[in-house]
Amino acid sequence: MSQTLSVINPATEELIKEIPVDEPAAIAQKVKQARNAQPAWAAKPLTDRIESIKTFKNLLLERADALAAILSAETGKPITLAKNEILGTPPRIDFFLANVAQVLTPKRVHQDPWQAIPGTGQLEEVLTFDPLGVVANISAWNYPYFVGSNVFVPALLTGNAVVYKPSEIATMTGLAIANLLHESGIPPDIFVPIIGTGLAGAALLEQPIDGVFFTGSYGTGQKIAVAVAPKLLKVQLELGGKDPAYICDDVVDVAAVAAALADGAFYNNGQSCCAVERIYVHTDIYEPFVEAFVQTVQGFKLGDPTDANTYLGPLSRKPQLSVIEQQLQDAIHKGATVLCGGQQVDRPGWYFAPTVLTDVTHDMTVMVEETFGPIIGIQRVDSDEAAVALMNDTNYGLTAAVYSSQRERAVGILAQVSSGTAYWNCCDRVSPQLPWTGRNHSGIGSTLSTLGISVFLQPRGWHLKQG
């Protein structure tokens, strides 16, 4: 009897359905079929591949409501946020559609008379690009449309086959994505879903693949890097963060900044790699900032994710409740003050009240270890130099934000912070025009931008002599 994966609704703790998982033999067969099918896909005109992805984009728009309902049911993401994610994916796809041709275009990098035998012709040096081949995409549950399409769309456009393992927490969404792509003209052997837990992911890594693109935790990313190291293949790891924000004493509207950062910290229950996870506030504006921040958080509506007005639903993973509780109790034991929240919500589902802590220090795990949940620490600082030191006191390097009325001051501070993305007077945003990249434990490689297209290609250098 084949094993199954239980899909649980985080808001009710009820079973939604059981889905058969792929055993290692089936995974091996799927990779083999993808390998056999990939050359024909790569040989198709780029215009054909573009048309299929355009169709996929249009289907996302047409079926956003139904797709959002699936995403919300299995992850607990509030329905409004789920629909926002789906409707926010087409603009990213548009970027890839608009830029893939220029990335793929062969480039003549040099041409001059043949030096060895003058007068016998010219030497031309040309750079072309081939697809990697078969790409393993091990994707995430928190933003399956965003982080998934950042990988599989450019991979497919550039002629690769994609073996796609959605997170077991977003399995139904992963299958819905696969069905839409197949309906859009992507052959089933070119976009191949693999269903299962981490065991299925491990079995996939054992197959003859040409690249691994993973989004998830540092711990799992490290295991993937070790597992595939002997293969010497392309590895890209989009991992977590402990994203800091610093509010300078010269901000004009303290309340507006506090509201923006509250959203940056608690959107999607803080279950975002780029969610603000620690805040440093200049002592001159500390009290009014904290007051406005707490007021904003207390106004967030927590409840049924199917309600369009709900801002905070349940956590997607039950074990994360223990992580948050451990960080909270460690902070309290070491002197932190709980201004709001601080407990699980007494109702069915995996709910934790949005929690704001002050009197925090870097001796507390909540300020140095990734939380991935609705809890934030706010620390007072008395100088820009002190803020920089604290912002850099981390193993992660994903994003960092500075709020200031002076661009030069903010840029100067951010230049000293090790992060792949820097924000001035904003936070928790992603643009398809800019690379999404991390440093240290936040990962290696880039998605988005033209870098996020070329990563799915391998260069070929041509030395062409006429005559």
Protein backbone atom coordinates (compact mmCIF):
# COMPACT_ATOMS: atom_id res chain seq x y z
CA MET A 1 0.00 0.00 0.00
CA SER A 2 1.42 3.37 -1.01
CA GLN A 3 2.10 5.98 1.64
CA THR A 4 0.09 9.18 1.80
CA LEU A 5 0.63 12.75 2.92
CA SER A 6 -1.96 14.21 5.30
CA VAL A 7 -3.02 17.77 4.48
CA ILE A 8 -4.22 19.49 7.67
CA ASN A 9 -6.07 22.80 7.89
CA PRO A 10 -4.04 24.92 10.38
CA ALA A 11 -7.11 26.98 11.32
CA THR A 12 -9.25 24.00 12.34
CA GLU A 13 -6.71 21.15 12.71
CA GLU A 14 -9.02 19.06 10.53
CA LEU A 15 -7.85 16.71 7.80
CA ILE A 16 -8.43 18.12 4.32
CA LYS A 17 -7.27 15.12 2.30
CA GLU A 18 -4.66 12.39 1.92
CA ILE A 19 -2.34 12.60 -1.09
CA PRO A 20 -0.16 9.70 -2.30
CA VAL A 21 3.56 10.36 -2.04
CA ASP A 22 6.21 9.50 -4.60
CA GLU A 23 8.45 6.60 -3.64
CA PRO A 24 12.16 6.68 -4.62
CA ALA A 25 11.61 4.40 -7.64
CA ALA A 26 8.89 6.68 -8.98
CA ILE A 27 11.10 9.74 -8.44
CA ALA A 28 13.93 8.09 -10.38
CA GLN A 29 11.56 7.32 -13.24
CA LYS A 30 10.22 10.88 -13.32
CA VAL A 31 13.73 12.32 -13.48
CA LYS A 32 14.61 9.91 -16.29
CA GLN A 33 11.56 11.00 -18.27
CA ALA A 34 12.43 14.65 -17.71
CA ARG A 35 15.98 13.97 -18.92
CA ASN A 36 14.70 12.34 -22.09
CA ALA A 37 12.19 15.12 -22.79
CA GLN A 38 14.40 18.14 -22.07
CA PRO A 39 16.34 18.36 -25.39
CA ALA A 40 13.14 18.64 -27.41
CA TRP A 41 11.85 21.36 -25.08
CA ALA A 42 15.10 23.30 -25.38
CA ALA A 43 14.94 22.97 -29.18
CA LYS A 44 11.54 24.64 -29.34
CA PRO A 45 11.54 28.27 -30.47
CA LEU A 46 11.70 30.67 -27.56
CA THR A 47 8.44 32.19 -28.77
CA ASP A 48 6.67 28.87 -28.12
CA ARG A 49 7.97 28.66 -24.57
CA ILE A 50 7.00 32.28 -23.99
CA GLU A 51 3.44 31.63 -25.19
CA SER A 52 3.04 28.76 -22.73
CA ILE A 53 4.19 30.91 -19.81
CA LYS A 54 1.88 33.74 -20.94
CA THR A 55 -1.01 31.30 -20.87
CA PHE A 56 0.00 30.19 -17.38
CA LYS A 57 0.05 33.82 -16.25
CA ASN A 58 -3.43 34.43 -17.64
CA LEU A 59 -4.79 31.31 -15.94
CA LEU A 60 -3.45 32.57 -12.61
CA LEU A 61 -5.45 35.75 -13.07
CA GLU A 62 -8.59 33.95 -14.21
CA ARG A 63 -8.60 31.44 -11.35
CA ALA A 64 -7.18 33.55 -8.55
CA ASP A 65 -10.17 33.06 -6.25
CA ALA A 66 -10.14 29.27 -6.45
CA LEU A 67 -6.37 29.07 -6.15
CA ALA A 68 -6.39 31.41 -3.16
CA ALA A 69 -8.95 29.21 -1.42
CA ILE A 70 -6.67 26.19 -1.79
CA LEU A 71 -3.63 28.10 -0.55
CA SER A 72 -5.51 29.49 2.43
CA ALA A 73 -6.99 26.14 3.43
CA GLU A 74 -3.71 24.24 3.60
CA THR A 75 -1.39 26.98 4.94
CA GLY A 76 -3.75 29.10 7.03
CA LYS A 77 -2.81 32.22 5.09
CA PRO A 78 -5.68 34.72 5.28
CA ILE A 79 -7.67 34.63 2.05
CA THR A 80 -6.93 38.27 1.22
CA LEU A 81 -3.19 37.71 1.59
CA ALA A 82 -3.41 34.50 -0.44
CA LYS A 83 -5.14 36.28 -3.29
CA ASN A 84 -2.64 39.15 -3.07
CA GLU A 85 0.17 36.66 -3.60
CA ILE A 86 -1.44 35.07 -6.63
CA LEU A 87 -2.28 38.42 -8.22
CA GLY A 88 1.22 39.65 -7.43
CA THR A 89 2.86 36.82 -9.35
CA PRO A 90 1.99 37.89 -12.94
CA PRO A 91 4.10 41.11 -12.77
CA ARG A 92 7.12 38.98 -11.89
CA ILE A 93 6.33 36.65 -14.77
CA ASP A 94 6.06 39.69 -17.06
CA PHE A 95 9.61 40.65 -16.13
CA PHE A 96 10.94 37.24 -17.12
CA LEU A 97 8.95 37.29 -20.36
CA ALA A 98 10.31 40.72 -21.26
CA ASN A 99 13.96 39.93 -20.51
CA VAL A 100 14.61 36.29 -21.32
CA ALA A 101 15.36 36.94 -25.01
CA GLN A 102 18.13 39.44 -24.32
CA VAL A 103 19.74 37.08 -21.80
CA LEU A 104 19.67 34.20 -24.28
CA THR A 105 20.94 36.23 -27.24
CA PRO A 106 24.42 35.14 -28.38
CA LYS A 107 27.04 37.82 -27.83
CA ARG A 108 30.03 38.51 -30.05
CA VAL A 109 32.66 39.57 -27.57
CA HIS A 110 35.65 39.99 -29.86
CA GLN A 111 36.62 40.04 -33.53
CA ASP A 112 39.99 40.77 -35.09
CA PRO A 113 42.36 39.53 -37.82
CA TRP A 114 43.67 36.05 -37.23
CA GLN A 115 46.97 36.61 -35.48
CA ALA A 116 48.74 33.35 -36.20
CA ILE A 117 48.58 33.59 -40.01
CA PRO A 118 47.98 37.19 -41.10
CA GLY A 119 45.68 37.65 -44.06
CA THR A 120 43.97 34.26 -43.81
CA GLY A 121 40.75 35.47 -42.18
CA GLN A 122 39.32 36.79 -38.99
CA LEU A 123 38.91 35.30 -35.57
CA GLU A 124 35.51 35.76 -33.98
CA GLU A 125 34.82 35.05 -30.32
CA VAL A 126 31.19 34.39 -29.45
CA LEU A 127 29.41 33.64 -26.20
CA THR A 128 26.27 31.48 -26.25
CA PHE A 129 24.15 29.96 -23.52
CA ASP A 130 22.76 26.46 -23.03
CA PRO A 131 20.18 25.35 -20.46
CA LEU A 132 21.47 23.50 -17.42
CA GLY A 133 19.28 20.51 -18.29
CA VAL A 134 17.18 18.99 -15.51
CA VAL A 135 16.62 21.35 -12.58
CA ALA A 136 15.41 20.27 -9.15
CA ASN A 137 13.21 22.96 -7.60
CA ILE A 138 12.58 22.27 -3.89
CA SER A 139 10.19 25.06 -3.03
CA ALA A 140 8.71 26.74 0.06
CA TRP A 141 5.28 26.85 1.66
CA ASN A 142 5.11 30.45 2.85
CA TYR A 143 4.90 32.01 -0.63
CA PRO A 144 4.59 29.06 -3.04
CA TYR A 145 3.56 31.21 -6.00
CA PHE A 146 6.20 33.89 -5.47
CA VAL A 147 9.21 31.75 -4.61
CA GLY A 148 8.18 28.94 -6.93
CA SER A 149 7.70 31.11 -10.01
CA ASN A 150 10.99 32.88 -9.31
CA VAL A 151 12.60 29.54 -10.16
CA PHE A 152 10.43 27.48 -12.47
CA VAL A 153 9.37 30.29 -14.81
CA PRO A 154 12.89 31.38 -15.88
CA ALA A 155 14.04 27.76 -15.79
CA LEU A 156 11.32 26.71 -18.23
CA LEU A 157 11.78 29.77 -20.43
CA THR A 158 15.48 29.02 -20.83
CA GLY A 159 14.84 25.45 -21.96
CA ASN A 160 15.25 23.42 -18.79
CA ALA A 161 13.09 20.61 -17.49
CA VAL A 162 11.96 21.20 -13.89
CA VAL A 163 11.39 18.50 -11.31
CA TYR A 164 9.37 20.41 -8.75
CA LYS A 165 8.93 19.38 -5.14
CA PRO A 166 6.48 21.68 -3.38
CA SER A 167 6.63 21.84 0.38
CA GLU A 168 4.51 19.17 2.02
CA ILE A 169 2.68 22.05 3.73
CA ALA A 170 1.60 23.45 0.34
CA THR A 171 1.11 20.20 -1.57
CA MET A 172 -2.32 20.98 -3.00
CA THR A 173 -1.05 24.35 -4.21
CA GLY A 174 1.95 22.64 -5.80
CA LEU A 175 -0.30 20.27 -7.69
CA ALA A 176 -2.54 23.16 -8.74
CA ILE A 177 0.52 24.97 -10.15
CA ALA A 178 1.56 21.83 -12.04
CA ASN A 179 -1.91 21.38 -13.50
CA LEU A 180 -2.00 25.00 -14.69
CA LEU A 181 1.40 24.70 -16.34
CA HIS A 182 0.40 21.51 -18.10
CA GLU A 183 -2.84 23.12 -19.24
CA SER A 184 -0.75 26.01 -20.56
CA GLY A 185 1.24 23.79 -22.88
CA ILE A 186 4.19 22.77 -20.70
CA PRO A 187 4.63 19.02 -21.27
CA PRO A 188 4.10 16.82 -18.17
CA ASP A 189 7.64 15.46 -18.54
CA ILE A 190 9.07 18.99 -18.58
CA PHE A 191 7.40 20.22 -15.40
CA VAL A 192 7.25 17.22 -13.09
CA PRO A 193 5.81 17.45 -9.56
CA ILE A 194 7.28 15.27 -6.82
CA ILE A 195 5.04 14.81 -3.78
CA GLY A 196 6.28 13.95 -0.31
CA THR A 197 8.17 15.08 2.76
CA GLY A 198 11.88 15.69 3.15
CA LEU A 199 12.43 12.02 2.31
CA ALA A 200 11.17 12.67 -1.22
CA GLY A 201 13.47 15.68 -1.47
CA ALA A 202 16.44 13.57 -0.38
CA ALA A 203 15.57 10.91 -2.97
CA LEU A 204 15.40 13.60 -5.65
CA LEU A 205 18.90 14.81 -4.78
CA GLU A 206 20.26 11.31 -5.42
CA GLN A 207 19.14 11.46 -9.06
CA PRO A 208 21.27 12.66 -12.02
CA ILE A 209 20.15 16.29 -11.98
CA ASP A 210 21.98 19.39 -13.24
CA GLY A 211 20.99 21.95 -10.65
CA VAL A 212 19.30 22.32 -7.26
CA PHE A 213 17.29 25.40 -6.38
CA PHE A 214 16.02 25.36 -2.81
CA THR A 215 14.04 27.82 -0.71
CA GLY A 216 13.74 27.17 3.00
CA SER A 217 15.66 27.07 6.25
CA TYR A 218 19.39 27.36 6.77
CA GLY A 219 19.51 23.91 8.38
CA THR A 220 17.91 22.17 5.42
CA GLY A 221 19.90 24.24 2.94
CA GLN A 222 23.14 23.16 4.59
CA LYS A 223 22.11 19.50 4.35
CA ILE A 224 21.31 19.92 0.66
CA ALA A 225 24.67 21.55 -0.03
CA VAL A 226 26.49 18.69 1.68
CA ALA A 227 24.41 16.03 -0.07
CA VAL A 228 25.08 17.29 -3.60
CA ALA A 229 28.64 18.56 -3.10
CA PRO A 230 30.24 15.48 -4.76
CA LYS A 231 28.14 16.08 -7.88
CA LEU A 232 29.69 19.53 -8.46
CA LEU A 233 26.44 20.84 -9.89
CA LYS A 234 24.77 24.25 -9.74
CA VAL A 235 23.36 24.85 -6.26
CA GLN A 236 21.30 27.87 -5.25
CA LEU A 237 20.00 28.26 -1.71
CA GLU A 238 17.48 30.93 -0.74
CA LEU A 239 17.47 30.69 3.04
CA GLY A 240 16.27 32.58 6.08
CA GLY A 241 16.99 35.88 7.71
CA LYS A 242 17.05 37.80 10.96
CA ASP A 243 16.21 41.03 9.23
CA PRO A 244 16.92 44.23 11.20
CA ALA A 245 15.43 47.69 10.96
CA TYR A 246 16.86 50.86 12.49
CA ILE A 247 14.81 54.01 13.05
CA CYS A 248 16.90 57.16 13.25
CA ASP A 249 16.05 60.12 15.44
CA ASP A 250 15.33 62.35 12.42
CA VAL A 251 12.27 60.54 11.04
CA VAL A 252 9.45 62.97 10.33
CA ASP A 253 6.37 60.86 11.10
CA VAL A 254 7.12 58.38 13.87
CA ALA A 255 3.63 56.89 13.89
CA ALA A 256 3.68 56.21 10.14
CA VAL A 257 7.08 54.52 10.41
CA ALA A 258 5.84 52.41 13.31
CA ALA A 259 2.78 51.32 11.31
CA ALA A 260 4.93 50.40 8.29
CA LEU A 261 7.30 48.33 10.41
CA ALA A 262 4.46 46.60 12.23
CA ASP A 263 3.19 45.43 8.86
CA GLY A 264 6.71 44.45 7.84
CA ALA A 265 7.06 42.36 10.98
CA PHE A 266 3.65 40.71 11.14
CA TYR A 267 2.48 40.35 7.52
CA ASN A 268 1.81 36.66 6.87
CA ASN A 269 2.30 36.10 10.60
CA GLY A 270 5.98 36.96 10.26
CA GLN A 271 6.41 33.82 8.16
CA SER A 272 8.57 35.53 5.56
CA CYS A 273 12.32 35.29 5.08
CA CYS A 274 12.40 39.08 4.71
CA ALA A 275 10.01 39.88 7.57
CA VAL A 276 11.39 42.43 10.01
CA GLU A 277 12.56 40.32 12.97
CA ARG A 278 14.31 42.89 15.18
CA ILE A 279 13.97 46.64 15.53
CA TYR A 280 16.43 49.22 16.85
CA VAL A 281 15.14 52.69 17.70
CA HIS A 282 17.15 55.79 18.51
CA THR A 283 16.59 56.71 22.14
CA ASP A 284 15.30 60.20 21.27
CA ILE A 285 12.14 58.78 19.65
CA TYR A 286 11.98 55.40 21.38
CA GLU A 287 8.89 55.98 23.55
CA PRO A 288 6.61 57.46 20.87
CA PHE A 289 7.71 54.79 18.40
CA VAL A 290 6.96 51.92 20.77
CA GLU A 291 3.59 53.39 21.70
CA ALA A 292 2.56 53.76 18.05
CA PHE A 293 3.92 50.32 17.15
CA VAL A 294 1.96 48.54 19.87
CA GLN A 295 -1.18 50.46 18.98
CA THR A 296 -0.89 49.30 15.38
CA VAL A 297 -0.29 45.66 16.35
CA GLN A 298 -3.26 45.66 18.72
CA GLY A 299 -5.43 46.72 15.79
CA PHE A 300 -4.55 43.69 13.67
CA LYS A 301 -7.55 41.40 13.23
CA LEU A 302 -6.75 37.80 14.15
CA GLY A 303 -9.19 35.08 13.21
CA ASP A 304 -10.69 32.87 10.53
CA PRO A 305 -8.47 32.96 7.41
CA THR A 306 -11.54 32.67 5.18
CA ASP A 307 -12.72 36.08 6.44
CA ALA A 308 -11.58 38.79 4.01
CA ASN A 309 -10.95 41.15 6.95
CA THR A 310 -8.58 38.79 8.78
CA TYR A 311 -4.98 39.99 8.88
CA LEU A 312 -3.49 37.25 11.10
CA GLY A 313 -4.46 33.64 10.67
CA PRO A 314 -2.89 30.56 12.27
CA LEU A 315 0.72 29.57 11.87
CA SER A 316 1.22 27.17 9.00
CA ARG A 317 3.35 24.75 11.04
CA LYS A 318 2.33 23.52 14.49
CA PRO A 319 5.95 22.95 15.67
CA GLN A 320 6.62 26.66 15.23
CA LEU A 321 4.39 27.36 18.22
CA SER A 322 7.04 25.73 20.42
CA VAL A 323 9.84 27.73 18.81
CA ILE A 324 8.02 30.99 19.53
CA GLU A 325 7.16 29.93 23.07
CA GLN A 326 10.79 29.01 23.77
CA GLN A 327 12.07 32.35 22.48
CA LEU A 328 9.42 34.20 24.46
CA GLN A 329 10.18 32.46 27.75
CA ASP A 330 13.92 32.90 27.25
CA ALA A 331 13.39 36.63 26.73
CA ILE A 332 11.12 37.00 29.75
CA HIS A 333 13.56 35.06 31.93
CA LYS A 334 16.34 37.45 30.88
CA GLY A 335 14.35 40.61 31.59
CA ALA A 336 12.22 41.39 28.53
CA THR A 337 8.88 43.13 28.92
CA VAL A 338 5.79 41.85 27.07
CA LEU A 339 3.76 44.83 25.83
CA CYS A 340 1.12 42.80 24.00
CA GLY A 341 0.43 39.21 23.08
CA GLY A 342 2.68 36.66 24.70
CA GLN A 343 0.51 33.55 24.48
CA GLN A 344 -1.17 31.05 22.22
CA VAL A 345 -4.77 31.91 21.40
CA ASP A 346 -7.43 29.78 23.09
CA ARG A 347 -9.25 28.51 20.03
CA PRO A 348 -8.88 25.61 17.57
CA GLY A 349 -5.94 25.96 15.25
CA TRP A 350 -2.30 26.96 15.55
CA TYR A 351 -2.75 30.57 16.61
CA PHE A 352 -0.26 32.75 18.50
CA ALA A 353 -1.13 36.29 19.52
CA PRO A 354 1.05 38.98 17.91
CA THR A 355 3.71 39.73 20.51
CA VAL A 356 5.83 42.84 21.08
CA LEU A 357 8.80 42.78 23.47
CA THR A 358 10.91 45.61 24.84
CA ASP A 359 13.91 45.66 27.21
CA VAL A 360 15.47 43.11 24.89
CA THR A 361 19.16 42.37 24.40
CA HIS A 362 21.28 40.17 22.17
CA ASP A 363 21.61 37.72 25.04
CA MET A 364 18.08 36.64 24.11
CA THR A 365 17.44 34.14 21.32
CA VAL A 366 14.53 36.22 20.02
CA MET A 367 17.05 38.86 18.91
CA VAL A 368 19.64 36.57 17.32
CA GLU A 369 17.89 33.42 16.06
CA GLU A 370 15.31 33.33 13.27
CA THR A 371 11.76 33.25 14.63
CA PHE A 372 9.48 32.97 11.58
CA GLY A 373 6.46 33.93 13.60
CA PRO A 374 4.45 36.81 15.10
CA ILE A 375 6.91 38.07 17.73
CA ILE A 376 9.26 41.07 17.60
CA GLY A 377 11.78 42.65 19.92
CA ILE A 378 12.39 46.42 20.00
CA GLN A 379 15.73 47.62 21.38
CA ARG A 380 16.80 51.16 22.29
CA VAL A 381 20.09 52.49 20.84
CA ASP A 382 21.84 55.81 21.37
CA SER A 383 23.81 56.15 18.13
CA ASP A 384 24.07 55.06 14.50
CA GLU A 385 27.30 53.25 15.35
CA ALA A 386 25.57 51.20 18.02
CA ALA A 387 22.78 50.33 15.61
CA VAL A 388 25.23 49.15 12.93
CA ALA A 389 27.02 46.91 15.42
CA LEU A 390 23.76 45.29 16.48
CA MET A 391 22.44 44.93 12.95
CA ASN A 392 25.62 43.05 12.00
CA ASP A 393 25.47 40.81 15.07
CA THR A 394 23.94 37.89 13.18
CA ASN A 395 24.83 34.89 11.06
CA TYR A 396 22.26 35.98 8.48
CA GLY A 397 22.46 38.63 5.78
CA LEU A 398 19.24 38.88 3.82
CA THR A 399 17.75 42.37 4.24
CA ALA A 400 18.28 45.45 6.38
CA ALA A 401 16.24 48.65 6.65
CA VAL A 402 16.97 52.17 7.85
CA TYR A 403 14.34 54.87 8.34
CA SER A 404 15.67 58.42 8.19
CA SER A 405 14.77 61.73 6.59
CA GLN A 406 18.30 61.88 5.14
CA ARG A 407 19.17 59.60 2.24
CA GLU A 408 22.90 60.11 2.67
CA ARG A 409 22.74 59.11 6.33
CA ALA A 410 20.62 56.02 5.64
CA VAL A 411 22.77 54.85 2.73
CA GLY A 412 25.90 55.36 4.78
CA ILE A 413 24.52 53.18 7.55
CA LEU A 414 23.26 50.48 5.20
CA ALA A 415 26.58 50.32 3.38
CA GLN A 416 28.13 49.09 6.62
CA VAL A 417 25.57 46.31 7.11
CA SER A 418 26.11 42.93 5.46
CA SER A 419 22.89 42.19 3.58
CA GLY A 420 21.79 41.22 0.10
CA THR A 421 19.03 43.84 0.08
CA ALA A 422 19.05 47.33 1.60
CA TYR A 423 15.91 49.40 2.28
CA TRP A 424 15.67 53.11 2.91
CA ASN A 425 12.30 54.15 4.36
CA CYS A 426 10.69 50.86 3.38
CA CYS A 427 10.96 47.17 4.25
CA ASP A 428 9.74 43.69 3.37
CA ARG A 429 9.41 44.29 -0.35
CA VAL A 430 10.70 42.48 -3.43
CA SER A 431 11.17 43.77 -6.96
CA PRO A 432 11.64 41.60 -10.07
CA GLN A 433 14.14 44.15 -11.38
CA LEU A 434 16.54 43.58 -8.48
CA PRO A 435 18.28 40.36 -7.48
CA TRP A 436 16.98 38.57 -4.41
CA THR A 437 20.12 37.33 -2.75
CA GLY A 438 21.51 36.57 0.68
CA ARG A 439 24.82 36.51 2.46
CA ASN A 440 26.22 34.08 5.02
CA HIS A 441 23.44 31.85 6.40
CA SER A 442 20.87 33.58 4.20
CA GLY A 443 22.05 31.58 1.23
CA ILE A 444 23.97 31.64 -2.03
CA GLY A 445 22.93 32.72 -5.51
CA SER A 446 20.22 35.04 -6.80
CA THR A 447 16.68 34.85 -8.03
CA LEU A 448 14.87 37.65 -9.89
CA SER A 449 16.51 40.30 -12.10
CA THR A 450 18.41 39.17 -15.18
CA LEU A 451 20.78 37.35 -12.81
CA GLY A 452 17.80 35.16 -11.90
CA ILE A 453 17.48 34.19 -15.57
CA SER A 454 21.12 33.59 -16.41
CA VAL A 455 21.55 31.30 -13.39
CA PHE A 456 19.64 28.63 -15.32
CA LEU A 457 22.13 28.76 -18.18
CA GLN A 458 25.66 27.52 -18.73
CA PRO A 459 27.95 29.51 -21.03
CA ARG A 460 29.70 28.17 -24.09
CA GLY A 461 32.64 30.03 -25.58
CA TRP A 462 33.15 29.84 -29.36
CA HIS A 463 36.46 30.51 -31.17
CA LEU A 464 35.45 30.88 -34.82
CA LYS A 465 38.07 31.43 -37.53
CA GLN A 466 37.03 32.13 -41.08
CA GLY A 467 38.95 30.52 -43.92
